[in-house]
Protein backbone atom coordinates (compact mmCIF):
# COMPACT_ATOMS: atom_id res chain seq x y z
CA MET A 1 -25.26 -13.57 -0.30
CA PHE A 2 -21.61 -11.90 -0.22
CA SER A 3 -21.06 -9.64 -3.22
CA LYS A 4 -18.62 -11.15 -5.82
CA LYS A 5 -16.64 -7.94 -5.66
CA VAL A 6 -15.27 -8.68 -2.42
CA LEU A 7 -11.78 -10.62 -2.57
CA ILE A 8 -12.24 -13.47 -0.19
CA ILE A 9 -9.28 -15.45 0.89
CA SER A 10 -11.50 -18.45 1.94
CA PHE A 11 -15.16 -19.00 3.10
CA MET A 12 -17.75 -21.56 3.49
CA MET A 13 -20.28 -22.41 1.35
CA VAL A 14 -23.21 -24.89 1.65
CA LEU A 15 -24.50 -27.13 -1.38
CA LEU A 16 -27.99 -28.37 -1.46
CA PHE A 17 -28.81 -31.40 -3.78
CA SER A 18 -31.13 -34.47 -3.76
CA GLY A 19 -29.93 -37.71 -2.52
CA ALA A 20 -32.03 -39.49 -5.44
CA GLY A 21 -29.14 -37.99 -7.96
CA PHE A 22 -27.05 -40.66 -7.09
CA ALA A 23 -27.19 -43.72 -9.17
CA GLU A 24 -26.17 -47.09 -7.77
CA LYS A 25 -23.52 -47.81 -10.20
CA GLU A 26 -20.61 -45.75 -11.32
CA ASN A 27 -21.48 -46.31 -15.16
CA THR A 28 -25.14 -45.89 -14.59
CA ARG A 29 -26.81 -42.35 -15.38
CA PRO A 30 -29.19 -41.14 -12.70
CA SER A 31 -32.84 -40.90 -14.08
CA ALA A 32 -32.38 -36.87 -13.70
CA ALA A 33 -29.00 -35.05 -13.04
CA PRO A 34 -28.33 -34.22 -9.37
CA PHE A 35 -29.56 -30.71 -8.57
CA PHE A 36 -26.79 -28.44 -6.95
CA GLU A 37 -27.78 -25.03 -5.54
CA ILE A 38 -24.37 -23.62 -4.06
CA GLN A 39 -24.64 -20.41 -1.56
CA ASP A 40 -21.97 -18.63 0.08
CA LEU A 41 -22.65 -18.71 4.10
CA PHE A 42 -19.56 -17.41 5.85
CA THR A 43 -16.17 -15.61 4.82
CA SER A 44 -12.80 -16.03 6.56
CA MET A 45 -14.20 -18.46 8.95
CA ARG A 46 -13.53 -22.33 9.29
CA ILE A 47 -14.64 -25.42 10.81
CA PRO A 48 -18.07 -26.44 9.48
CA ASN A 49 -20.62 -28.12 11.22
CA ILE A 50 -24.34 -28.53 9.79
CA VAL A 51 -27.50 -30.25 11.05
CA VAL A 52 -31.15 -30.51 10.37
CA ALA A 53 -33.47 -29.63 13.49
CA THR A 54 -36.53 -31.53 14.18
CA ASP A 55 -38.68 -28.75 12.67
CA GLY A 56 -36.77 -28.97 9.52
CA THR A 57 -34.63 -25.65 10.44
CA VAL A 58 -31.10 -26.08 8.82
CA LEU A 59 -28.24 -24.76 11.25
CA ALA A 60 -25.01 -24.17 9.51
CA PHE A 61 -22.24 -23.58 12.19
CA ALA A 62 -18.62 -22.28 11.58
CA LYS A 63 -15.49 -21.60 13.93
CA SER A 64 -16.09 -24.97 15.55
CA GLY A 65 -19.78 -24.04 16.65
CA ARG A 66 -19.15 -20.59 17.72
CA VAL A 67 -21.35 -18.92 15.08
CA LEU A 68 -24.43 -20.00 13.09
CA ARG A 69 -26.61 -19.28 10.58
CA ARG A 70 -30.22 -20.44 10.10
CA SER A 71 -32.65 -21.35 7.26
CA GLU A 72 -36.30 -21.84 7.91
CA ASP A 73 -37.30 -22.84 4.16
CA ASN A 74 -35.10 -25.96 3.45
CA GLY A 75 -31.73 -23.86 2.68
CA ARG A 76 -33.29 -21.61 0.17
CA ASN A 77 -32.72 -18.49 2.42
CA TRP A 78 -30.64 -17.76 5.36
CA GLY A 79 -30.75 -15.69 8.52
CA PRO A 80 -27.77 -13.18 9.63
CA ILE A 81 -24.67 -14.70 11.44
CA GLN A 82 -25.42 -15.45 15.17
CA LYS A 83 -22.88 -15.49 17.76
CA ILE A 84 -23.62 -18.40 20.05
CA GLY A 85 -21.40 -17.34 23.20
CA SER A 86 -18.20 -16.21 23.90
CA ASP A 87 -16.74 -19.36 25.01
CA ALA A 88 -18.57 -21.59 22.74
CA GLY A 89 -17.04 -24.39 20.51
CA GLY A 90 -17.26 -27.79 19.66
CA SER A 91 -19.53 -29.99 17.63
CA ALA A 92 -23.14 -29.95 17.22
CA ILE A 93 -26.15 -32.51 17.54
CA VAL A 94 -29.87 -32.57 17.50
CA ASP A 95 -31.49 -34.25 20.35
CA GLU A 96 -34.44 -36.21 18.58
CA ASN A 97 -35.98 -37.11 21.68
CA THR A 98 -36.53 -33.49 23.02
CA SER A 99 -35.94 -31.65 19.81
CA ASP A 100 -33.02 -29.66 21.71
CA VAL A 101 -29.91 -28.67 19.45
CA MET A 102 -26.51 -28.60 21.44
CA VAL A 103 -23.17 -27.55 20.75
CA VAL A 104 -20.92 -29.62 22.82
CA ARG A 105 -17.49 -28.38 23.89
CA ALA A 106 -16.28 -31.42 26.01
CA LYS A 107 -12.85 -30.22 26.58
CA GLY A 108 -14.18 -27.54 28.76
CA GLY A 109 -16.91 -29.28 30.26
CA TYR A 110 -20.04 -27.57 29.13
CA LEU A 111 -22.16 -27.06 26.34
CA TRP A 112 -24.53 -24.51 24.63
CA ARG A 113 -28.24 -25.64 24.45
CA SER A 114 -31.11 -24.40 22.14
CA ARG A 115 -34.69 -25.34 22.94
CA ASP A 116 -36.09 -23.21 19.94
CA HIS A 117 -34.15 -24.88 17.02
CA GLY A 118 -31.21 -22.48 17.24
CA LYS A 119 -32.83 -18.96 17.76
CA THR A 120 -31.37 -18.90 21.33
CA TRP A 121 -28.83 -20.39 23.42
CA THR A 122 -27.88 -21.21 26.78
CA ARG A 123 -24.54 -22.55 28.58
CA LYS A 124 -25.07 -25.64 30.90
CA GLU A 125 -22.18 -27.36 32.67
CA ILE A 126 -21.78 -31.29 32.15
CA VAL A 127 -20.05 -34.15 33.22
CA ILE A 128 -17.70 -35.97 31.34
CA LYS A 129 -16.69 -39.31 32.40
CA PRO A 130 -13.44 -41.10 31.41
CA ASN A 131 -12.92 -44.24 29.55
CA ALA A 132 -11.20 -47.47 30.76
CA LEU A 133 -7.79 -45.77 29.92
CA GLY A 134 -8.59 -42.91 32.32
CA HIS A 135 -8.90 -40.56 29.42
CA GLY A 136 -11.76 -37.96 28.61
CA SER A 137 -12.48 -36.16 31.48
CA PRO A 138 -11.38 -32.21 31.42
CA ASP A 139 -9.15 -32.65 34.48
CA SER A 140 -7.29 -35.49 32.66
CA ILE A 141 -6.22 -35.72 29.20
CA PRO A 142 -9.68 -34.46 27.80
CA VAL A 143 -11.76 -35.67 25.15
CA GLN A 144 -12.42 -32.89 22.20
CA THR A 145 -15.51 -32.83 19.66
CA ALA A 146 -14.27 -29.73 17.98
CA CYS A 147 -13.53 -30.42 14.27
CA SER A 148 -15.24 -34.03 14.26
CA GLU A 149 -18.64 -34.18 12.40
CA SER A 150 -21.87 -33.52 14.11
CA GLY A 151 -23.43 -36.04 16.43
CA ILE A 152 -26.94 -38.10 15.89
CA THR A 153 -29.33 -39.60 17.98
CA LEU A 154 -29.30 -43.40 17.98
CA GLN A 155 -32.79 -44.80 16.13
CA HIS A 156 -32.39 -48.29 16.65
CA GLY A 157 -31.94 -51.35 18.95
CA LYS A 158 -31.28 -51.26 22.59
CA HIS A 159 -29.83 -47.95 22.71
CA LYS A 160 -32.39 -45.59 20.99
CA GLY A 161 -32.67 -42.79 21.80
CA ARG A 162 -28.96 -42.40 23.09
CA LEU A 163 -26.95 -39.19 22.21
CA LEU A 164 -23.64 -40.25 20.34
CA MET A 165 -21.09 -37.86 19.15
CA PRO A 166 -17.54 -38.55 17.37
CA ALA A 167 -14.61 -37.12 19.30
CA ARG A 168 -10.84 -37.57 19.87
CA ILE A 169 -8.16 -37.70 22.69
CA GLN A 170 -4.44 -36.54 22.34
CA PRO A 171 -2.65 -38.36 24.78
CA PRO A 172 -0.01 -37.84 26.61
CA LYS A 173 -0.30 -33.96 26.76
CA GLY A 174 -3.70 -33.16 25.17
CA ASN A 175 -2.24 -31.10 22.39
CA ASN A 176 -1.89 -31.56 18.69
CA ASP A 177 2.09 -31.73 18.41
CA GLN A 178 3.11 -33.82 15.61
CA GLU A 179 5.36 -36.11 17.94
CA TRP A 180 2.46 -37.40 19.52
CA TRP A 181 0.47 -38.10 16.56
CA PRO A 182 0.78 -41.75 16.70
CA TYR A 183 -0.58 -41.86 20.35
CA ASN A 184 -3.47 -39.73 19.24
CA TYR A 185 -7.02 -41.54 18.97
CA ASN A 186 -10.71 -40.95 17.75
CA THR A 187 -13.32 -42.16 20.22
CA ALA A 188 -17.04 -40.90 21.08
CA ILE A 189 -18.91 -39.70 23.78
CA TYR A 190 -22.48 -40.92 24.54
CA SER A 191 -25.38 -39.44 26.66
CA ASP A 192 -28.30 -41.54 28.03
CA ASP A 193 -29.94 -38.38 30.22
CA GLY A 194 -30.46 -35.64 27.32
CA GLY A 195 -26.76 -34.41 27.56
CA LYS A 196 -26.21 -33.68 31.24
CA THR A 197 -23.75 -36.63 31.71
CA TRP A 198 -21.61 -38.03 28.83
CA GLN A 199 -19.57 -41.36 29.11
CA THR A 200 -15.99 -41.39 26.84
CA SER A 201 -15.95 -44.60 24.92
CA GLY A 202 -13.19 -46.89 23.91
CA PRO A 203 -10.71 -45.93 21.09
CA VAL A 204 -10.55 -46.58 17.62
CA GLN A 205 -7.17 -47.11 15.75
CA SER A 206 -4.25 -44.95 17.20
CA GLY A 207 -2.79 -42.23 14.85
CA THR A 208 -6.48 -40.92 14.16
CA GLY A 209 -8.17 -37.48 14.72
CA GLU A 210 -11.31 -35.69 13.30
CA GLY A 211 -14.02 -38.48 13.31
CA THR A 212 -17.39 -39.26 11.54
CA LEU A 213 -19.83 -41.97 12.20
CA ALA A 214 -23.42 -43.03 11.31
CA GLU A 215 -26.00 -45.61 12.44
CA LEU A 216 -27.19 -48.47 10.18
CA SER A 217 -30.74 -49.64 10.31
CA SER A 218 -29.35 -52.61 12.37
CA GLY A 219 -28.04 -50.57 15.18
CA ASN A 220 -24.65 -51.26 14.26
CA ILE A 221 -22.41 -47.84 13.97
CA TYR A 222 -19.88 -47.24 11.48
CA TYR A 223 -16.83 -45.17 12.44
CA ASN A 224 -14.96 -43.40 9.74
CA SER A 225 -11.58 -41.71 10.71
CA ARG A 226 -8.94 -39.14 9.43
CA CYS A 227 -5.74 -40.84 9.76
CA HIS A 228 -2.65 -38.47 10.45
CA MET A 229 0.16 -40.97 9.81
CA ALA A 230 -1.32 -42.72 6.76
CA VAL A 231 1.49 -44.11 4.63
CA ASP A 232 -1.25 -45.86 2.35
CA HIS A 233 -3.34 -42.67 2.14
CA ARG A 234 -6.43 -44.77 3.27
CA ARG A 235 -9.13 -43.78 5.97
CA ARG A 236 -9.70 -46.05 9.08
CA ILE A 237 -12.97 -47.48 9.88
CA ALA A 238 -14.31 -49.23 13.02
CA TRP A 239 -17.52 -50.57 14.38
CA SER A 240 -19.34 -50.60 17.27
CA TYR A 241 -22.12 -53.15 17.96
CA ASP A 242 -23.05 -51.87 21.88
CA GLY A 243 -24.38 -48.30 20.94
CA GLY A 244 -20.77 -46.91 20.78
CA HIS A 245 -19.41 -47.85 23.99
CA MET A 246 -16.69 -49.99 22.34
CA TRP A 247 -15.12 -49.94 18.73
CA THR A 248 -14.03 -53.15 17.12
CA ASP A 249 -13.18 -54.42 13.53
CA TRP A 250 -10.86 -52.04 13.07
CA GLN A 251 -9.75 -51.77 9.42
CA VAL A 252 -8.25 -49.74 6.48
CA CYS A 253 -11.01 -48.28 4.35
CA GLU A 254 -9.63 -49.39 0.52
CA HIS A 255 -12.43 -47.34 -0.96
CA LEU A 256 -11.60 -43.98 0.33
CA ARG A 257 -8.48 -42.21 0.34
CA GLU A 258 -6.83 -39.37 2.49
CA VAL A 259 -5.57 -36.37 0.65
CA GLY A 260 -1.99 -35.37 1.48
CA GLU A 261 -0.18 -32.55 2.82
CA PRO A 262 3.41 -33.56 3.21
CA PHE A 263 4.89 -30.15 3.40
CA TYR A 264 3.66 -30.27 6.95
CA PHE A 265 5.73 -32.74 8.09
CA LYS A 266 8.82 -32.11 10.25
CA TYR A 267 10.37 -35.45 9.70
CA GLY A 268 11.85 -37.30 6.85
CA THR A 269 8.88 -39.60 5.58
CA LYS A 270 5.93 -38.12 3.95
CA PRO A 271 2.60 -39.89 4.92
CA SER A 272 -0.79 -38.45 4.24
CA TYR A 273 -1.64 -35.81 6.85
CA GLY A 274 -5.27 -36.40 5.67
CA CYS A 275 -8.48 -34.22 6.07
CA ASN A 276 -11.54 -33.80 8.21
CA ALA A 277 -14.57 -35.36 6.31
CA GLY A 278 -18.25 -35.39 6.70
CA LEU A 279 -20.73 -38.37 6.88
CA VAL A 280 -24.25 -38.74 6.93
CA ARG A 281 -27.01 -41.50 6.79
CA LEU A 282 -29.75 -40.59 4.58
CA PRO A 283 -33.27 -40.69 6.45
CA LEU A 284 -34.71 -44.07 5.66
CA GLU A 285 -37.95 -42.59 4.87
CA ALA A 286 -36.27 -41.16 1.87
CA THR A 287 -34.67 -44.51 0.72
CA ASN A 288 -37.56 -46.95 1.10
CA GLY A 289 -35.51 -48.33 4.16
CA ARG A 290 -32.41 -48.70 2.69
CA ASP A 291 -28.92 -47.79 4.22
CA VAL A 292 -27.72 -45.21 1.98
CA LEU A 293 -24.63 -43.40 3.56
CA LEU A 294 -23.06 -40.36 2.10
CA PHE A 295 -19.38 -39.28 2.77
CA SER A 296 -17.30 -36.08 1.44
CA THR A 297 -13.80 -35.07 1.52
CA PRO A 298 -11.20 -33.72 -1.29
CA ASP A 299 -10.43 -36.20 -3.84
CA ASN A 300 -6.98 -35.75 -4.91
CA PRO A 301 -4.04 -38.23 -5.24
CA GLY A 302 -1.50 -35.69 -4.77
CA SER A 303 -0.75 -33.38 -1.69
CA SER A 304 -3.13 -30.47 -2.38
CA ARG A 305 -6.52 -30.14 -0.48
CA VAL A 306 -8.38 -29.83 -3.78
CA ARG A 307 -11.68 -31.36 -5.43
CA MET A 308 -14.30 -31.72 -2.88
CA THR A 309 -15.97 -34.65 -3.76
CA VAL A 310 -19.13 -36.73 -2.28
CA TRP A 311 -19.24 -40.67 -2.41
CA ALA A 312 -22.25 -42.92 -2.02
CA SER A 313 -22.61 -46.56 -0.21
CA PHE A 314 -25.60 -48.63 -1.03
CA ASP A 315 -24.49 -51.53 1.03
CA GLY A 316 -24.14 -50.40 4.63
CA ALA A 317 -20.37 -48.81 4.07
CA LYS A 318 -18.95 -51.84 2.59
CA THR A 319 -17.91 -50.25 -0.81
CA TRP A 320 -18.34 -46.75 -2.07
CA PRO A 321 -18.93 -47.14 -6.05
CA VAL A 322 -20.47 -43.56 -6.96
CA LYS A 323 -18.73 -40.47 -6.28
CA ARG A 324 -19.76 -37.16 -7.54
CA LEU A 325 -17.48 -34.04 -7.84
CA VAL A 326 -18.82 -30.81 -6.07
CA TYR A 327 -15.97 -27.89 -6.82
CA GLU A 328 -12.90 -28.36 -8.38
CA GLY A 329 -10.70 -26.06 -6.82
CA HIS A 330 -9.26 -25.64 -3.20
CA SER A 331 -11.29 -27.12 -0.58
CA ALA A 332 -10.78 -28.79 2.76
CA TYR A 333 -12.93 -29.60 5.82
CA SER A 334 -16.90 -30.68 5.24
CA SER A 335 -19.97 -31.45 6.92
CA LEU A 336 -22.97 -33.36 5.66
CA ALA A 337 -26.52 -33.27 6.96
CA ALA A 338 -30.02 -34.59 5.22
CA GLY A 339 -33.38 -33.69 5.95
CA LYS A 340 -36.37 -36.13 5.92
CA ASN A 341 -37.46 -35.32 2.53
CA GLY A 342 -34.05 -36.57 1.39
CA THR A 343 -32.33 -32.88 0.56
CA VAL A 344 -28.66 -33.26 1.40
CA PHE A 345 -26.86 -30.44 2.94
CA LEU A 346 -23.08 -30.10 2.25
CA LEU A 347 -21.26 -27.28 4.14
CA PHE A 348 -17.25 -26.87 3.35
CA GLU A 349 -14.60 -25.00 3.00
CA ARG A 350 -13.23 -23.44 -0.21
CA GLY A 351 -11.00 -20.88 -1.60
CA ARG A 352 -10.62 -19.41 -4.86
CA LYS A 353 -7.23 -18.55 -5.42
CA LYS A 354 -5.70 -20.37 -2.38
CA LEU A 355 -7.27 -22.50 0.60
CA TYR A 356 -6.64 -20.30 3.44
C-alpha cells in the first residue's frame, strides 16, 4: 500500500467483491451487502488490465501491459511492480488450455508469454493475418489490442479452446486523429494454435474503439464497444455466432450509457467521447450455471468521468437491471476479472482532486 501522505495525481486501485452481492432486481436488497475491499496498486499509471491465472494468481497490469503486480492469495496481498519488457504492451489473455499468460501487442507483431503464472516473461514473434477488408497485419493498417479489455479462452461449442481478444482498427492511417474517428472500428483477433498465429475478424460498427467481449454458455459471443461519436450517449453492441470470426446483430445498447467528454472535440457538435470499460462473465461454477455478466465504466449523464459503477446482467446481456456505485469521484478506464470462487476483481483508474 502507498502512504496516504504521498500526493497522488492519479492512480489505479483494485476492488475485490463477491458476485453474490448483486440482487437480481434493482429494488431488492441482497441477502448480504456486497463486500468491498479497496487497495492502491499503481501510482501515476494508466490503462488497466486484470486477469486470473489458472492457478488462481491474480495479475494486475498497468501502462497497457508494460508492468504488473501479482497476488497469490486472492488479492489480499500483492507483490512488487514487475516490468515485463522494454517493448511490452497490449492486452492480456490467459490460455486456459496451457495455463500460459500472454500480453499481446498485435500492432507490433509479437507478444510476451509467461509459463509460470506471470513470474517471468519471454518475447515471441507472432503472425497477424488480415481480415476480408485487408486490415489487421502490422504492415497494413494494423490491429491494436492496447486499451481494450482482456481476452478470453472460449469454453463452449465448435470453437472451444480458441483464444479471442477484443481489438480495434483505425483506418485509413492507423492513428487516432479525431477526423478519422467515423472510420475506426472495433474487431477481434483469434488464435487456434496457442497464440502463434492470429486471425483478424470482421468489423463491428464504425466509430467504435476499445472493446470488451464475453462468451455466453450457448457459445454466442457478446461484444460491447466504446463509441467515439455517440450523439445518443449509448454504447454499441454486436454478436458473433461463429467463434468471433464475424460480428452481426449490431445494436445500440439502451441500458448502458457513455460518459461524455465534449471539451475534447474540435468541431461544432458535442457527441459523447465515451470511455473504456470492463466486462466479465462470472464463472458458471459460481452462478449455478447461469450467465451472469458484470460491466464497469463511469456513470455520469454529464461530461466528466466520475462515479465508477458496476452493472449486472442476469439474462445474457439483454438487460442490466442492477448497478452498484464503487467510487464517487474522478474515475475512468477499468478492467474486470473473476476467480472460480466468485471473487470479482475490478482494476480502475481514479484521481483524488483531478483525474489525470
